[in-house]
């Protein structure tokens, strides 16, 4: 028995990366949405890339403002394989102008990611071009709103 205990053991395989460590989300541009994103909506494209590890499932896409709702195409949940990209069209709709941000400086998306290691919600800041286009869309949607 002591010979067996002294024998060198094979190192355990490293666990896969956490999903937020394996994924990038990049803003592409404004995009036509369902029905042209009429009715106070703003649609845009993002690229979700899984750099390594097992496939990653997007289980939810959200944003922090109570005055906006979020929909995506493809609709969550959807999966992206490692070493590949998914193009996602996200549509934000104004539900209440009083609660929508008037001048979002650093707007972000909360994306819930799942792989074989964990489930995580990660906030992605999409950059100044996204902030500028979102701000313009919110001004158009709520411009006639009398606070």
Protein backbone atom coordinates (compact mmCIF):
# COMPACT_ATOMS: atom_id res chain seq x y z
CA UNK A 1 0.00 0.00 0.00
CA UNK A 2 2.86 2.43 0.71
CA UNK A 3 4.21 2.01 -2.82
CA UNK A 4 0.85 3.06 -4.20
CA UNK A 5 0.69 6.12 -1.92
CA UNK A 6 4.21 7.23 -2.92
CA UNK A 7 3.56 6.95 -6.65
CA UNK A 8 3.49 10.26 -8.50
CA UNK A 9 -0.01 11.38 -9.35
CA UNK A 10 -0.99 12.95 -12.61
CA UNK A 11 -1.77 16.62 -12.17
CA UNK A 12 -5.46 17.47 -12.20
CA UNK A 13 -6.71 19.14 -15.34
CA UNK A 14 -7.06 22.90 -14.93
CA UNK A 15 -10.69 24.02 -14.65
CA UNK A 16 -12.12 25.93 -17.60
CA UNK A 17 -12.10 29.73 -17.40
CA UNK A 18 -14.98 31.58 -15.81
CA UNK A 19 -17.37 32.66 -18.57
CA UNK A 20 -16.66 36.37 -18.07
CA UNK A 21 -12.94 35.65 -18.58
CA UNK A 22 -13.57 33.82 -21.85
CA UNK A 23 -16.03 36.25 -23.47
CA UNK A 24 -15.74 39.67 -25.08
CA UNK A 25 -18.66 41.81 -26.17
CA UNK A 26 -18.00 44.55 -28.74
CA UNK A 27 -20.37 47.22 -30.05
CA UNK A 28 -20.64 47.10 -33.85
CA UNK A 29 -23.18 49.80 -34.83
CA UNK A 30 -26.80 50.86 -34.85
CA UNK A 31 -28.89 48.29 -36.71
CA UNK A 32 -32.38 47.93 -38.09
CA UNK A 33 -34.46 46.21 -35.46
CA UNK A 34 -37.77 44.41 -35.54
CA UNK A 35 -40.26 46.69 -37.27
CA UNK A 36 -37.45 49.21 -37.78
CA UNK A 37 -37.30 49.76 -33.99
CA UNK A 38 -40.27 52.11 -34.09
CA UNK A 39 -42.09 53.14 -30.95
CA UNK A 40 -39.19 54.54 -28.96
CA UNK A 41 -36.73 51.79 -29.79
CA UNK A 42 -33.04 51.67 -30.58
CA UNK A 43 -31.50 48.56 -32.11
CA UNK A 44 -27.81 47.86 -32.36
CA UNK A 45 -25.48 45.01 -33.19
CA UNK A 46 -22.86 43.55 -30.88
CA UNK A 47 -20.35 40.77 -31.42
CA UNK A 48 -19.99 38.21 -28.64
CA UNK A 49 -16.74 36.25 -28.92
CA UNK A 50 -15.82 33.17 -26.91
CA UNK A 51 -12.02 33.07 -26.89
CA UNK A 52 -11.41 29.83 -24.98
CA UNK A 53 -12.87 27.10 -22.82
CA UNK A 54 -16.19 25.33 -23.26
CA UNK A 55 -19.23 26.80 -25.03
CA UNK A 56 -20.85 29.78 -23.30
CA UNK A 57 -24.60 30.25 -23.03
CA UNK A 58 -26.06 33.75 -22.80
CA UNK A 59 -29.02 33.30 -20.48
CA UNK A 60 -30.06 36.95 -20.13
CA UNK A 61 -29.34 40.42 -21.52
CA UNK A 62 -30.48 43.36 -19.41
CA UNK A 63 -29.67 46.99 -18.61
CA UNK A 64 -30.05 48.97 -15.40
CA UNK A 65 -32.63 51.60 -16.37
CA UNK A 66 -36.20 50.99 -15.22
CA UNK A 67 -37.41 53.08 -18.18
CA UNK A 68 -36.04 50.74 -20.86
CA UNK A 69 -36.82 47.17 -21.84
CA UNK A 70 -34.40 44.84 -23.65
CA UNK A 71 -34.95 42.22 -26.34
CA UNK A 72 -32.37 40.38 -28.42
CA UNK A 73 -32.12 38.38 -31.60
CA UNK A 74 -31.31 35.60 -31.13
CA UNK A 75 -33.41 35.58 -27.98
CA UNK A 76 -31.70 34.35 -24.82
CA UNK A 77 -30.82 31.66 -24.02
CA UNK A 78 -28.42 30.93 -26.87
CA UNK A 79 -24.99 29.34 -27.02
CA UNK A 80 -21.71 30.34 -28.65
CA UNK A 81 -18.99 27.78 -29.23
CA UNK A 82 -15.37 28.38 -28.28
CA UNK A 83 -13.19 30.23 -30.80
CA UNK A 84 -16.24 31.67 -32.55
CA UNK A 85 -18.44 34.76 -32.64
CA UNK A 86 -22.15 35.46 -32.49
CA UNK A 87 -23.72 38.60 -33.87
CA UNK A 88 -26.56 39.77 -31.64
CA UNK A 89 -29.11 42.45 -32.41
CA UNK A 90 -30.20 44.13 -29.19
CA UNK A 91 -33.29 46.33 -29.10
CA UNK A 92 -33.87 48.78 -26.27
CA UNK A 93 -37.40 50.20 -26.05
CA UNK A 94 -38.42 53.19 -23.98
CA UNK A 95 -41.18 52.11 -21.59
CA UNK A 96 -41.21 55.24 -19.41
CA UNK A 97 -39.46 58.45 -20.42
CA UNK A 98 -39.41 59.67 -16.80
CA UNK A 99 -37.22 56.70 -15.87
CA UNK A 100 -35.08 56.55 -19.02
CA UNK A 101 -31.61 58.07 -18.73
CA UNK A 102 -31.47 61.41 -20.55
CA UNK A 103 -27.73 61.55 -21.11
CA UNK A 104 -26.17 58.14 -20.45
CA UNK A 105 -22.43 58.70 -20.04
CA UNK A 106 -21.21 55.12 -19.72
CA UNK A 107 -24.20 52.91 -20.47
CA UNK A 108 -23.63 49.20 -20.16
CA UNK A 109 -25.35 45.90 -20.72
CA UNK A 110 -25.64 43.26 -18.03
CA UNK A 111 -25.15 39.87 -19.65
CA UNK A 112 -25.63 36.62 -17.72
CA UNK A 113 -23.20 33.99 -19.00
CA UNK A 114 -23.04 30.28 -18.21
CA UNK A 115 -20.47 27.61 -18.97
CA UNK A 116 -19.50 24.34 -17.30
CA UNK A 117 -17.62 26.20 -14.57
CA UNK A 118 -20.02 28.95 -13.43
CA UNK A 119 -22.93 31.30 -14.03
CA UNK A 120 -21.96 34.98 -13.92
CA UNK A 121 -23.57 38.32 -14.66
CA UNK A 122 -21.04 40.67 -16.21
CA UNK A 123 -21.50 44.36 -17.07
CA UNK A 124 -20.07 45.28 -20.46
CA UNK A 125 -19.37 48.96 -21.22
CA UNK A 126 -19.82 49.33 -24.97
CA UNK A 127 -17.96 52.60 -25.52
CA UNK A 128 -18.53 56.23 -26.43
CA UNK A 129 -20.03 55.62 -29.89
CA UNK A 130 -22.73 53.44 -28.32
CA UNK A 131 -23.33 56.06 -25.61
CA UNK A 132 -23.69 58.81 -28.22
CA UNK A 133 -26.10 56.82 -30.42
CA UNK A 134 -28.16 55.67 -27.43
CA UNK A 135 -28.40 59.25 -26.15
CA UNK A 136 -29.61 60.45 -29.58
CA UNK A 137 -32.21 57.66 -29.73
CA UNK A 138 -33.47 58.52 -26.24
CA UNK A 139 -33.74 62.21 -27.16
CA UNK A 140 -35.82 61.31 -30.22
CA UNK A 141 -38.01 58.89 -28.27
CA UNK A 142 -38.62 61.23 -25.31
CA UNK A 143 -38.04 64.62 -26.95
CA UNK A 144 -41.71 65.57 -26.89
CA UNK A 145 -42.12 64.35 -23.32
CA UNK A 146 -42.99 67.16 -20.91
CA UNK A 147 -41.46 66.28 -17.58
